[in-house]
């Protein structure tokens, strides 16, 4: 019963986790977004009172 032999499956598991932990994060972090978000100012805009022409 070759399914119970852990030798090839352990190597496959280790190499798979190495790919997930080393190769994939570096490729994801190297991705450049074309539109970088800009920070908004923390100042609140001044509110001006409305002038009603009929009041």
Protein backbone atom coordinates (compact mmCIF):
# COMPACT_ATOMS: atom_id res chain seq x y z
CA UNK A 1 0.00 0.00 0.00
CA UNK A 2 1.99 3.00 -1.22
CA UNK A 3 -0.41 5.50 0.37
CA UNK A 4 1.00 4.69 3.82
CA UNK A 5 4.60 5.41 2.80
CA UNK A 6 5.26 8.94 4.19
CA UNK A 7 8.55 9.51 2.39
CA UNK A 8 7.35 11.14 -0.87
CA UNK A 9 4.40 12.91 0.74
CA UNK A 10 6.50 14.50 3.45
CA UNK A 11 8.86 15.94 0.83
CA UNK A 12 5.90 17.22 -1.20
CA UNK A 13 4.42 18.82 1.93
CA UNK A 14 7.71 20.50 2.86
CA UNK A 15 8.34 21.86 -0.65
CA UNK A 16 4.76 23.08 -0.93
CA UNK A 17 5.05 25.02 2.34
CA UNK A 18 8.39 26.44 1.22
CA UNK A 19 6.71 27.76 -1.92
CA UNK A 20 3.83 29.21 0.11
CA UNK A 21 6.08 30.85 2.70
CA UNK A 22 9.00 32.08 0.58
CA UNK A 23 8.20 32.46 -3.11
CA UNK A 24 4.57 33.57 -3.18
CA UNK A 25 4.82 36.40 -0.56
CA UNK A 26 7.79 37.98 -2.36
CA UNK A 27 5.90 37.99 -5.64
CA UNK A 28 2.79 39.46 -4.01
CA UNK A 29 4.72 42.16 -2.17
CA UNK A 30 6.59 43.12 -5.37
CA UNK A 31 3.32 43.90 -7.15
CA UNK A 32 3.02 47.59 -7.99
CA UNK A 33 -0.38 49.22 -8.03
CA UNK A 34 -0.88 51.74 -10.86
CA UNK A 35 -2.92 54.15 -8.73
CA UNK A 36 -1.43 54.69 -5.31
CA UNK A 37 -3.95 56.05 -2.82
CA UNK A 38 -3.35 59.59 -1.59
CA UNK A 39 -3.84 60.65 1.98
CA UNK A 40 -6.50 63.20 2.72
CA UNK A 41 -5.90 66.14 4.99
CA UNK A 42 -7.16 65.94 8.55
CA UNK A 43 -8.52 69.49 8.47
CA UNK A 44 -12.26 69.81 8.37
CA UNK A 45 -13.55 72.03 5.58
CA UNK A 46 -15.13 75.30 6.62
CA UNK A 47 -18.88 75.30 6.35
CA UNK A 48 -20.38 78.43 4.89
CA UNK A 49 -23.94 79.50 5.62
CA UNK A 50 -26.33 79.46 2.71
CA UNK A 51 -27.80 82.74 1.61
CA UNK A 52 -31.43 82.28 0.70
CA UNK A 53 -32.64 84.91 -1.71
CA UNK A 54 -36.30 84.60 -0.67
CA UNK A 55 -35.78 84.64 3.09
